[in-house]
C-alpha atoms as a PDB file:
ATOM      1  CA  UNK A   1       0.000   0.000   0.000  1.00  0.00           C
ATOM      2  CA  UNK A   2       1.213   3.468  -0.892  1.00  0.00           C
ATOM      3  CA  UNK A   3       0.336   6.881   0.519  1.00  0.00           C
ATOM      4  CA  UNK A   4       0.176   9.483  -2.230  1.00  0.00           C
ATOM      5  CA  UNK A   5      -0.461  13.145  -1.496  1.00  0.00           C
ATOM      6  CA  UNK A   6      -2.601  15.002  -4.009  1.00  0.00           C
ATOM      7  CA  UNK A   7      -2.689  18.781  -3.662  1.00  0.00           C
ATOM      8  CA  UNK A   8      -5.796  20.518  -4.944  1.00  0.00           C
ATOM      9  CA  UNK A   9      -6.366  24.233  -5.434  1.00  0.00           C
ATOM     10  CA  UNK A  10      -9.928  25.320  -4.814  1.00  0.00           C
ATOM     11  CA  UNK A  11     -11.760  27.964  -6.826  1.00  0.00           C
ATOM     12  CA  UNK A  12     -11.458  31.547  -5.640  1.00  0.00           C
ATOM     13  CA  UNK A  13      -8.973  30.522  -2.936  1.00  0.00           C
ATOM     14  CA  UNK A  14     -11.421  28.229  -1.155  1.00  0.00           C
ATOM     15  CA  UNK A  15     -11.131  24.484  -0.738  1.00  0.00           C
ATOM     16  CA  UNK A  16     -13.228  23.903   2.376  1.00  0.00           C
ATOM     17  CA  UNK A  17     -15.507  20.960   1.525  1.00  0.00           C
ATOM     18  CA  UNK A  18     -16.393  18.745   4.481  1.00  0.00           C
ATOM     19  CA  UNK A  19     -17.459  15.972   2.084  1.00  0.00           C
ATOM     20  CA  UNK A  20     -14.289  15.984  -0.046  1.00  0.00           C
ATOM     21  CA  UNK A  21     -13.130  12.497   1.004  1.00  0.00           C
ATOM     22  CA  UNK A  22     -16.543  11.044   0.156  1.00  0.00           C
ATOM     23  CA  UNK A  23     -16.601  12.827  -3.206  1.00  0.00           C
ATOM     24  CA  UNK A  24     -13.176  11.492  -4.207  1.00  0.00           C
ATOM     25  CA  UNK A  25     -14.100   8.004  -3.004  1.00  0.00           C
ATOM     26  CA  UNK A  26     -17.282   8.097  -5.106  1.00  0.00           C
ATOM     27  CA  UNK A  27     -15.181   8.813  -8.213  1.00  0.00           C
ATOM     28  CA  UNK A  28     -12.822   5.867  -7.663  1.00  0.00           C
ATOM     29  CA  UNK A  29     -12.859   2.879  -9.976  1.00  0.00           C
ATOM     30  CA  UNK A  30     -11.791  -0.594  -8.961  1.00  0.00           C
ATOM     31  CA  UNK A  31      -8.513  -0.400 -10.882  1.00  0.00           C
ATOM     32  CA  UNK A  32      -7.513   2.752  -8.958  1.00  0.00           C
ATOM     33  CA  UNK A  33      -6.780   0.577  -5.925  1.00  0.00           C
ATOM     34  CA  UNK A  34      -8.144   3.194  -3.519  1.00  0.00           C
ATOM     35  CA  UNK A  35      -8.391   2.026   0.090  1.00  0.00           C
ATOM     36  CA  UNK A  36      -8.817   5.245   2.082  1.00  0.00           C
ATOM     37  CA  UNK A  37      -8.821   9.058   1.729  1.00  0.00           C
ATOM     38  CA  UNK A  38      -7.788  11.683   4.275  1.00  0.00           C
ATOM     39  CA  UNK A  39      -8.152  15.450   3.844  1.00  0.00           C
ATOM     40  CA  UNK A  40      -5.879  18.167   5.251  1.00  0.00           C
ATOM     41  CA  UNK A  41      -6.551  21.861   4.746  1.00  0.00           C
ATOM     42  CA  UNK A  42      -3.600  23.856   3.528  1.00  0.00           C
ATOM     43  CA  UNK A  43      -2.731  27.495   2.926  1.00  0.00           C
ATOM     44  CA  UNK A  44      -4.189  29.769   0.255  1.00  0.00           C
ATOM     45  CA  UNK A  45      -7.194  27.666  -0.673  1.00  0.00           C
ATOM     46  CA  UNK A  46      -5.243  24.441  -1.048  1.00  0.00           C
ATOM     47  CA  UNK A  47      -6.151  21.066   0.331  1.00  0.00           C
ATOM     48  CA  UNK A  48      -4.035  17.919   0.473  1.00  0.00           C
ATOM     49  CA  UNK A  49      -5.631  14.546  -0.034  1.00  0.00           C
ATOM     50  CA  UNK A  50      -3.879  11.521   1.414  1.00  0.00           C
ATOM     51  CA  UNK A  51      -4.777   8.660  -0.922  1.00  0.00           C
ATOM     52  CA  UNK A  52      -3.951   5.186   0.344  1.00  0.00           C
ATOM     53  CA  UNK A  53      -3.679   2.956  -2.713  1.00  0.00           C
ATOM     54  CA  UNK A  54      -2.912  -0.645  -3.499  1.00  0.00           C
ATOM     55  CA  UNK A  55      -0.549  -0.717  -6.473  1.00  0.00           C
ATOM     56  CA  UNK A  56       2.321  -2.733  -7.882  1.00  0.00           C
ATOM     57  CA  UNK A  57       4.829   0.110  -7.591  1.00  0.00           C
ATOM     58  CA  UNK A  58       5.220   3.660  -6.351  1.00  0.00           C
ATOM     59  CA  UNK A  59       5.057   5.001  -9.912  1.00  0.00           C
ATOM     60  CA  UNK A  60       1.816   3.104 -10.538  1.00  0.00           C
ATOM     61  CA  UNK A  61       0.327   4.468  -7.298  1.00  0.00           C
ATOM     62  CA  UNK A  62       1.257   8.043  -8.245  1.00  0.00           C
ATOM     63  CA  UNK A  63      -0.258   7.587 -11.708  1.00  0.00           C
ATOM     64  CA  UNK A  64      -3.433   6.111 -10.240  1.00  0.00           C
ATOM     65  CA  UNK A  65      -3.779   8.934  -7.701  1.00  0.00           C
ATOM     66  CA  UNK A  66      -3.315  11.542 -10.401  1.00  0.00           C
ATOM     67  CA  UNK A  67      -5.906   9.937 -12.679  1.00  0.00           C
ATOM     68  CA  UNK A  68      -8.408   9.616  -9.831  1.00  0.00           C
ATOM     69  CA  UNK A  69      -7.973  13.243  -8.765  1.00  0.00           C
ATOM     70  CA  UNK A  70      -8.248  14.503 -12.355  1.00  0.00           C
ATOM     71  CA  UNK A  71     -11.385  12.393 -12.848  1.00  0.00           C
ATOM     72  CA  UNK A  72     -12.939  13.784  -9.676  1.00  0.00           C
ATOM     73  CA  UNK A  73     -12.338  17.454 -10.506  1.00  0.00           C
ATOM     74  CA  UNK A  74     -13.368  16.963 -14.138  1.00  0.00           C
ATOM     75  CA  UNK A  75     -16.599  15.056 -13.555  1.00  0.00           C
ATOM     76  CA  UNK A  76     -17.981  15.753 -10.080  1.00  0.00           C
ATOM     77  CA  UNK A  77     -20.132  18.918 -10.102  1.00  0.00           C
ATOM     78  CA  UNK A  78     -19.196  19.825  -6.511  1.00  0.00           C
ATOM     79  CA  UNK A  79     -15.522  20.074  -7.530  1.00  0.00           C
ATOM     80  CA  UNK A  80     -16.095  22.444 -10.443  1.00  0.00           C
ATOM     81  CA  UNK A  81     -13.251  24.946 -10.473  1.00  0.00           C
ATOM     82  CA  UNK A  82     -10.819  22.761  -8.499  1.00  0.00           C
ATOM     83  CA  UNK A  83      -7.415  21.986 -10.030  1.00  0.00           C
ATOM     84  CA  UNK A  84      -4.937  19.201  -9.329  1.00  0.00           C
ATOM     85  CA  UNK A  85      -1.599  20.775  -8.386  1.00  0.00           C
ATOM     86  CA  UNK A  86       0.506  17.669  -7.658  1.00  0.00           C
ATOM     87  CA  UNK A  87       0.105  13.936  -7.112  1.00  0.00           C
ATOM     88  CA  UNK A  88       3.189  12.363  -5.578  1.00  0.00           C
ATOM     89  CA  UNK A  89       4.630  10.415  -2.708  1.00  0.00           C
ATOM     90  CA  UNK A  90       6.192  12.607  -0.061  1.00  0.00           C
ATOM     91  CA  UNK A  91       9.741  11.952   1.057  1.00  0.00           C
ATOM     92  CA  UNK A  92       9.935  11.570   4.798  1.00  0.00           C
ATOM     93  CA  UNK A  93      13.281  12.471   6.379  1.00  0.00           C
ATOM     94  CA  UNK A  94      14.917   9.684   8.292  1.00  0.00           C
ATOM     95  CA  UNK A  95      17.888   9.417  10.637  1.00  0.00           C
ATOM     96  CA  UNK A  96      20.167   8.544   7.701  1.00  0.00           C
ATOM     97  CA  UNK A  97      19.745  11.973   6.019  1.00  0.00           C
ATOM     98  CA  UNK A  98      22.358  13.671   8.209  1.00  0.00           C
ATOM     99  CA  UNK A  99      25.026  11.048   7.682  1.00  0.00           C
END
């Protein structure tokens, strides 16, 4: 399972949708491998989705997350005006980074 962060920019600097996780989940197809969605408000009308996906590789998970997010903003009427900014795994610093 992979955690992919998808950053969305809301229309007019707003991205506050309490049902965003449910909307994205409703747009998922079986081949997306979606297991769970979390939502974190960000600055300047941005929101970060945490998409937990089953995939064969990190690259496949990033591709799947990007397709799912693009599908959601393109086809769900409640996301009209939203844009996908990024869809990628986030590097987490570990104790080996300072060596």
